Protein backbone atom coordinates (compact mmCIF):
# COMPACT_ATOMS: atom_id res chain seq x y z
CA MET A 1 -0.04 -0.07 0.00
CA GLU A 2 1.30 3.46 -0.93
CA ASN A 3 1.93 6.02 1.92
CA SER A 4 1.28 9.35 0.15
CA GLY A 5 3.17 12.34 1.36
CA LYS A 6 5.66 10.43 3.44
CA LYS A 7 9.35 10.46 2.57
CA LYS A 8 10.52 7.07 1.31
CA ILE A 9 13.75 5.73 2.80
CA LEU A 10 15.55 2.73 1.43
CA VAL A 11 16.83 0.40 4.13
CA ALA A 12 19.22 -2.17 2.81
CA PRO A 13 21.12 -4.62 4.94
CA LEU A 14 23.87 -7.07 3.83
CA ASN A 15 22.77 -10.72 3.59
CA TRP A 16 25.54 -12.21 5.63
CA GLY A 17 24.21 -14.15 8.68
CA LEU A 18 21.09 -12.46 9.99
CA GLY A 19 22.72 -9.77 12.13
CA HIS A 20 22.74 -6.91 9.64
CA ALA A 21 18.95 -7.46 8.92
CA THR A 22 17.98 -7.78 12.64
CA ARG A 23 19.78 -4.67 13.74
CA CYS A 24 17.93 -2.79 10.92
CA ILE A 25 14.58 -3.77 12.62
CA PRO A 26 14.74 -0.92 15.29
CA ILE A 27 15.71 1.58 12.55
CA ILE A 28 12.76 0.43 10.40
CA ASN A 29 10.32 0.68 13.35
CA ALA A 30 11.70 4.19 14.15
CA LEU A 31 11.22 5.33 10.60
CA LYS A 32 7.56 4.21 10.67
CA THR A 33 6.98 5.88 14.07
CA LEU A 34 8.46 9.11 12.75
CA TYR A 35 6.18 9.10 9.69
CA PHE A 36 8.69 7.95 7.01
CA ASP A 37 7.87 5.20 4.68
CA PRO A 38 10.62 2.57 4.83
CA VAL A 39 11.34 0.44 1.67
CA ILE A 40 13.31 -2.80 2.39
CA ALA A 41 16.00 -3.96 0.03
CA SER A 42 18.25 -6.99 0.40
CA ASP A 43 18.47 -10.64 -0.73
CA GLY A 44 18.37 -14.27 0.54
CA ASN A 45 17.66 -14.90 4.17
CA ALA A 46 18.03 -11.18 5.23
CA LEU A 47 15.25 -10.21 2.85
CA ALA A 48 13.15 -13.30 3.89
CA LEU A 49 13.52 -12.32 7.63
CA LEU A 50 12.51 -8.59 7.07
CA LYS A 51 9.59 -9.64 4.92
CA LYS A 52 8.33 -11.87 7.79
CA GLU A 53 8.89 -8.93 10.25
CA PHE A 54 7.27 -6.30 8.06
CA PRO A 55 4.87 -8.00 5.60
CA SER A 56 3.05 -4.75 4.75
CA LEU A 57 6.19 -2.82 3.59
CA ARG A 58 7.46 -2.71 0.02
CA SER A 59 10.39 -5.01 -0.37
CA ILE A 60 12.95 -5.23 -3.24
CA GLU A 61 15.48 -7.98 -4.14
CA LEU A 62 19.05 -6.74 -4.71
CA PRO A 63 21.88 -8.58 -6.48
CA SER A 64 23.39 -11.14 -4.15
CA TYR A 65 27.09 -11.03 -2.96
CA ASN A 66 26.86 -14.84 -2.52
CA ILE A 67 29.40 -14.91 0.29
CA ASN A 68 29.92 -18.51 1.39
CA TYR A 69 32.32 -19.81 4.00
CA PRO A 70 34.87 -22.39 3.08
CA ASN A 71 34.58 -25.69 4.91
CA LYS A 72 37.77 -24.80 6.91
CA GLY A 73 37.71 -21.46 8.60
CA SER A 74 41.37 -20.96 8.13
CA ASN A 75 40.77 -20.58 4.31
CA PHE A 76 38.38 -17.80 4.76
CA ARG A 77 40.60 -14.86 3.93
CA ALA A 78 42.03 -16.71 0.82
CA LYS A 79 38.44 -17.43 -0.35
CA LEU A 80 37.48 -13.73 0.15
CA ILE A 81 40.46 -12.63 -2.09
CA LYS A 82 39.45 -15.25 -4.75
CA ASP A 83 35.87 -14.09 -4.63
CA SER A 84 36.74 -10.37 -4.86
CA PRO A 85 36.18 -10.01 -8.70
CA HIS A 86 32.69 -11.27 -8.11
CA LEU A 87 32.09 -8.89 -5.25
CA ILE A 88 33.31 -5.95 -7.32
CA LYS A 89 30.91 -6.96 -10.08
CA THR A 90 28.00 -7.35 -7.65
CA ILE A 91 28.66 -3.87 -6.22
CA LYS A 92 28.47 -2.39 -9.77
CA LYS A 93 25.20 -4.31 -10.37
CA GLU A 94 23.92 -2.98 -6.92
CA LYS A 95 24.75 0.64 -7.86
CA LYS A 96 22.82 0.16 -11.11
CA ALA A 97 19.81 -1.30 -9.33
CA VAL A 98 19.75 1.49 -6.58
CA LYS A 99 19.76 4.13 -9.36
CA SER A 100 16.75 2.58 -10.84
CA ILE A 101 15.02 2.01 -7.42
CA VAL A 102 15.64 5.70 -6.43
CA GLU A 103 13.99 6.95 -9.67
CA ARG A 104 11.16 4.41 -9.81
CA GLU A 105 10.21 4.70 -6.04
CA THR A 106 11.15 8.42 -5.53
CA ILE A 107 13.45 7.54 -2.54
CA SER A 108 14.51 10.44 -0.30
CA GLY A 109 17.28 8.79 1.60
CA ILE A 110 19.27 5.68 1.85
CA ILE A 111 20.37 3.66 4.85
CA SER A 112 22.82 0.86 3.90
CA ASP A 113 24.03 -1.59 6.43
CA ASN A 114 27.36 -2.85 5.02
CA ARG A 115 26.11 -2.89 1.32
CA PHE A 116 28.85 -1.07 -0.49
CA GLY A 117 26.96 -0.14 -3.72
CA VAL A 118 23.76 1.00 -2.08
CA ARG A 119 24.22 4.86 -2.28
CA HIS A 120 23.21 7.58 -4.66
CA LYS A 121 24.88 10.99 -5.22
CA ALA A 122 21.66 12.95 -5.46
CA ILE A 123 20.20 11.92 -2.03
CA PRO A 124 21.57 11.51 1.54
CA SER A 125 23.18 8.11 1.81
CA VAL A 126 24.18 6.55 5.25
CA PHE A 127 26.48 3.59 5.79
CA ILE A 128 26.03 1.60 8.96
CA THR A 129 28.99 -0.37 10.35
CA HIS A 130 30.71 -1.16 13.67
CA GLN A 131 33.90 -1.96 11.78
CA LEU A 132 35.83 1.25 11.08
CA LYS A 133 38.83 -1.08 11.55
CA VAL A 134 38.51 -4.39 9.51
CA LEU A 135 40.56 -7.21 11.00
CA SER A 136 42.13 -9.63 8.54
CA GLY A 137 45.38 -10.78 10.32
CA ASN A 138 48.48 -9.30 8.91
CA THR A 139 46.51 -7.50 6.14
CA THR A 140 44.29 -5.50 8.60
CA TRP A 141 45.87 -2.20 7.47
CA LEU A 142 44.83 -2.96 3.94
CA SER A 143 41.33 -4.27 4.61
CA THR A 144 40.79 -1.15 6.85
CA LYS A 145 41.99 1.23 4.21
CA LEU A 146 39.74 -0.35 1.49
CA HIS A 147 36.74 -0.31 3.82
CA GLN A 148 37.30 3.31 4.81
CA LYS A 149 37.62 4.28 1.10
CA ILE A 150 34.12 2.75 0.56
CA ILE A 151 32.68 4.53 3.72
CA SER A 152 34.04 7.82 2.47
CA LYS A 153 31.74 7.73 -0.54
CA PHE A 154 28.69 8.01 1.79
CA ASP A 155 27.38 11.23 3.46
CA GLU A 156 27.43 9.80 6.99
CA CYS A 157 28.65 6.76 8.78
CA TRP A 158 26.58 5.57 11.74
CA VAL A 159 28.39 3.39 14.23
CA PRO A 160 25.99 1.40 16.42
CA ASP A 161 28.16 1.76 19.60
CA HIS A 162 29.26 4.11 22.36
CA LYS A 163 32.29 6.25 21.60
CA GLY A 164 35.34 5.81 23.95
CA GLU A 165 35.02 3.80 27.13
CA HIS A 166 32.38 1.18 27.85
CA ASN A 167 31.98 0.36 24.18
CA LEU A 168 31.00 -3.03 22.90
CA SER A 169 33.10 -3.21 19.69
CA GLY A 170 36.49 -2.46 21.18
CA ASP A 171 39.05 -1.29 18.63
CA LEU A 172 36.81 -2.12 15.67
CA GLY A 173 34.52 0.92 16.05
CA GLN A 174 37.05 3.54 17.32
CA ASP A 175 38.84 4.65 14.16
CA ASN A 176 37.79 7.78 12.36
CA VAL A 177 36.97 7.91 8.80
CA LYS A 178 38.40 11.35 7.96
CA SER A 179 36.25 12.12 4.83
CA THR A 180 33.00 11.03 6.18
CA LYS A 181 30.91 12.37 9.11
CA THR A 182 30.97 9.59 11.76
CA LYS A 183 28.12 9.49 14.29
CA TYR A 184 28.19 7.08 17.27
CA ILE A 185 24.50 6.32 17.65
CA GLY A 186 24.67 3.83 20.44
CA PRO A 187 23.94 0.10 20.35
CA LEU A 188 20.99 -1.09 18.30
CA SER A 189 18.69 -3.81 19.49
CA ARG A 190 15.19 -4.95 18.52
CA PHE A 191 14.63 -6.26 22.05
CA GLN A 192 13.40 -5.00 25.37
CA LYS A 193 14.35 -6.35 28.79
CA HIS A 194 11.69 -7.82 30.89
CA ASN A 195 11.93 -9.33 34.43
CA SER A 196 10.73 -12.85 33.30
CA GLU A 197 10.72 -16.03 35.30
CA ILE A 198 13.43 -18.34 34.05
CA LYS A 199 11.97 -21.19 31.93
CA TYR A 200 15.12 -22.46 30.15
CA ASP A 201 18.43 -23.35 31.70
CA LEU A 202 20.08 -22.86 28.21
CA LEU A 203 19.14 -21.06 25.00
CA VAL A 204 21.17 -22.04 21.90
CA LEU A 205 21.01 -19.41 19.21
CA LEU A 206 22.46 -20.34 15.91
CA SER A 207 23.06 -17.96 12.99
CA GLY A 208 25.69 -17.06 10.40
CA PRO A 209 26.69 -18.39 7.04
CA GLU A 210 26.81 -21.97 5.86
CA PRO A 211 28.46 -24.46 6.11
CA GLN A 212 29.69 -23.40 9.62
CA ARG A 213 26.20 -22.95 10.98
CA THR A 214 25.37 -26.63 10.16
CA PHE A 215 28.72 -27.78 11.60
CA LEU A 216 27.97 -26.07 14.93
CA GLU A 217 24.37 -27.24 15.01
CA GLN A 218 25.54 -30.94 14.65
CA LYS A 219 28.28 -30.56 17.27
CA LEU A 220 26.03 -28.86 19.85
CA LEU A 221 23.23 -31.44 19.41
CA ASN A 222 25.79 -34.15 20.16
CA GLU A 223 27.17 -32.25 23.15
CA LEU A 224 23.76 -31.59 24.56
CA GLU A 225 23.09 -35.31 25.10
CA TYR A 226 25.18 -34.77 28.24
CA PHE A 227 23.16 -31.68 29.47
CA ASN A 228 20.61 -32.25 32.17
CA GLY A 229 18.73 -28.89 32.11
CA SER A 230 15.93 -27.60 29.90
CA VAL A 231 17.18 -26.37 26.49
CA LEU A 232 15.63 -24.15 23.87
CA PHE A 233 17.48 -24.61 20.57
CA VAL A 234 16.84 -22.14 17.74
CA LYS A 235 18.56 -23.13 14.49
CA GLY A 236 18.33 -19.74 12.77
CA LEU A 237 16.98 -21.21 9.57
CA ILE A 238 14.52 -18.84 7.82
CA GLU A 239 11.96 -21.19 6.29
CA THR A 240 8.36 -20.67 5.13
CA THR A 241 6.76 -22.24 8.13
CA GLN A 242 7.93 -22.47 11.62
CA LYS A 243 8.74 -25.95 12.87
CA LYS A 244 8.95 -27.20 16.48
CA GLN A 245 10.10 -30.54 17.77
CA ASN A 246 10.78 -31.94 21.29
CA ASN A 247 13.76 -34.18 21.95
CA ASN A 248 13.76 -35.16 25.61
CA ASN A 249 14.87 -31.98 27.51
CA ILE A 250 15.40 -30.06 24.21
CA THR A 251 12.82 -27.99 22.40
CA ILE A 252 13.98 -27.25 18.84
CA TYR A 253 12.73 -24.45 16.48
CA ASN A 254 13.86 -23.75 13.00
CA TYR A 255 13.41 -19.99 13.56
CA MET A 256 11.53 -17.61 15.86
CA THR A 257 10.11 -14.10 15.21
CA SER A 258 11.54 -11.14 17.00
CA GLY A 259 8.77 -11.23 19.64
CA GLU A 260 9.27 -14.95 20.31
CA LEU A 261 13.03 -14.52 20.54
CA GLU A 262 12.75 -11.52 22.95
CA GLU A 263 10.65 -13.60 25.23
CA ALA A 264 13.01 -16.61 24.91
CA ILE A 265 16.13 -14.78 25.73
CA ASN A 266 14.47 -12.98 28.69
CA LYS A 267 13.29 -16.35 30.02
CA SER A 268 16.67 -18.06 29.67
CA GLU A 269 19.44 -18.48 32.24
CA ILE A 270 22.37 -18.49 29.78
CA VAL A 271 22.74 -18.02 26.05
CA LEU A 272 25.09 -20.07 23.90
CA SER A 273 25.77 -18.46 20.55
CA ARG A 274 28.19 -17.00 17.97
CA SER A 275 29.85 -13.82 18.90
CA GLY A 276 28.38 -11.64 16.07
CA TYR A 277 28.17 -7.98 16.92
CA THR A 278 24.44 -7.81 16.70
CA THR A 279 24.01 -10.82 19.12
CA ILE A 280 26.42 -8.83 21.49
CA MET A 281 24.28 -5.79 21.23
CA ASP A 282 21.07 -7.80 21.96
CA LEU A 283 22.54 -9.68 24.86
CA ALA A 284 23.96 -6.50 26.41
CA LYS A 285 20.57 -4.87 26.22
CA LEU A 286 18.96 -7.84 27.96
CA GLU A 287 21.84 -8.10 30.48
CA LYS A 288 22.39 -11.78 29.95
CA LYS A 289 25.13 -14.32 30.80
CA ALA A 290 26.45 -16.15 27.76
CA PHE A 291 29.07 -18.42 26.18
CA PHE A 292 30.46 -17.54 22.73
CA ILE A 293 31.78 -19.83 19.93
CA PRO A 294 33.08 -17.51 17.15
CA THR A 295 32.61 -18.55 13.48
CA PRO A 296 35.96 -20.22 12.61
CA GLY A 297 38.20 -17.88 10.54
CA GLN A 298 36.15 -14.74 11.12
CA PHE A 299 38.63 -12.38 12.62
CA GLU A 300 35.98 -9.99 13.82
CA GLN A 301 34.00 -12.57 15.78
CA GLU A 302 37.18 -14.08 17.24
CA TYR A 303 38.39 -10.64 18.41
CA LEU A 304 35.02 -9.75 19.95
CA ALA A 305 34.77 -13.09 21.76
CA ASN A 306 38.38 -12.93 23.00
CA ARG A 307 38.02 -9.36 24.14
CA LEU A 308 34.95 -10.11 26.24
CA ASN A 309 36.67 -13.22 27.63
CA GLU A 310 39.62 -11.17 28.68
CA LEU A 311 37.33 -8.56 30.34
CA LYS A 312 35.82 -11.41 32.35
CA ILE A 313 32.38 -10.53 30.95
CA ILE A 314 31.61 -13.59 28.67
CA PRO A 315 33.68 -16.83 28.30
CA CYS A 316 34.45 -18.26 24.88
CA CYS A 317 36.31 -21.05 23.00
CA SER A 318 36.82 -22.31 19.48
CA GLN A 319 34.34 -24.52 17.72
CA ASP A 320 36.69 -27.44 17.61
CA ASP A 321 37.46 -27.20 21.37
CA PHE A 322 33.96 -26.84 22.72
CA LYS A 323 32.68 -29.29 25.39
CA ILE A 324 29.36 -28.89 27.19
CA GLU A 325 31.06 -28.84 30.64
CA MET A 326 32.70 -25.58 29.63
CA LEU A 327 29.34 -23.83 30.41
CA ASN A 328 30.26 -24.23 34.05
CA ASN A 329 32.91 -21.50 33.53
CA ILE A 330 30.16 -18.93 33.12
CA GLU A 331 29.98 -18.65 36.85
CA ASP A 332 33.43 -16.93 36.91
CA TYR A 333 32.28 -14.20 34.49
CA SER A 334 30.07 -11.08 35.17
CA GLY A 335 27.77 -11.36 32.09
CA PHE A 336 26.50 -8.11 30.49
CA LYS A 337 25.54 -5.34 32.81
CA SER A 338 23.11 -2.55 31.82
CA ASN A 339 24.50 0.53 30.02
CA PRO A 340 21.20 2.23 29.10
CA PHE A 341 21.21 4.23 25.92
CA GLN A 342 18.50 5.67 23.77
CA VAL A 343 19.12 6.12 20.05
CA ASP A 344 18.10 9.60 18.98
CA PHE A 345 16.40 8.62 15.76
CA GLU A 346 14.65 11.95 15.29
CA ASN A 347 18.00 13.78 15.16
CA LEU A 348 19.59 11.05 12.88
CA PHE A 349 16.67 11.09 10.45
CA SER A 350 16.81 14.93 10.14
CA LEU A 351 19.43 14.20 7.50
CA PHE A 352 16.57 13.09 5.14
């Protein structure tokens, strides 16, 4: 349905895991509240998830980056380099698609979450990232420089974190992009904290690209045979219909909607998941205790998990090393403590 008289804002998250899409949910909700007309653009699971969350909004499919993980995490950087010609080609296609969308839909502003080609010279274009520094081992200087060059083509860069002390992203979000206006907007989460009675001893939240998501699912289901408490296991598979099965003390879902997940996390004693930045923002908002298993070979997730481990906030270990008894280590860690922050969306959207 058309919303006459409202400025249309294109919101386009990267389809890489579900984190980029889910952290756009509070932005889309704020746009609606402040009388804008959000138009969703993405591909694959990210687009499918946002269509489930916002069935009444206009949604458009963008060219796919098709980023797949190698079977061995240690090959990830080599694979990215090998795939770079395809990525460059996709970014060109993306720019062409956006030019057409802006004209066809009369778009007034763009919010791109890590999609490099989603911008337009004639209208305000924003890039969202928590990675002003892009870790890639001994090529970090190069990956950071390339990323900052891309960011500099946008009018503003919004960093979903606090500036300076008490930040969630560590060194990743604390570099300045000289040629672009950088704004620290505070952590983004689609969830609210409720003082719920605990129903599950453990919540397993899976997400992220294949085949590593499946590898971790299989490993955890095997390990959970030795776990006595009640477990809620969410696979993070976006499928047409929701499926639920009970396996002794484990309740398994293929996916949950935002509302269901919010309730599930609030009702869980501890959360076992990847250390993606969006997950970290969500669990920080809900002040949870957790255990992190970073995606193998993903420098950013490994850095975030190790940093929280060193700060004695959340323990972590590698996928290969994980054993279910390691969850006992959580008692020695503080878990996330509240650091309340309200994103000033009205001020941010004044750009449009």
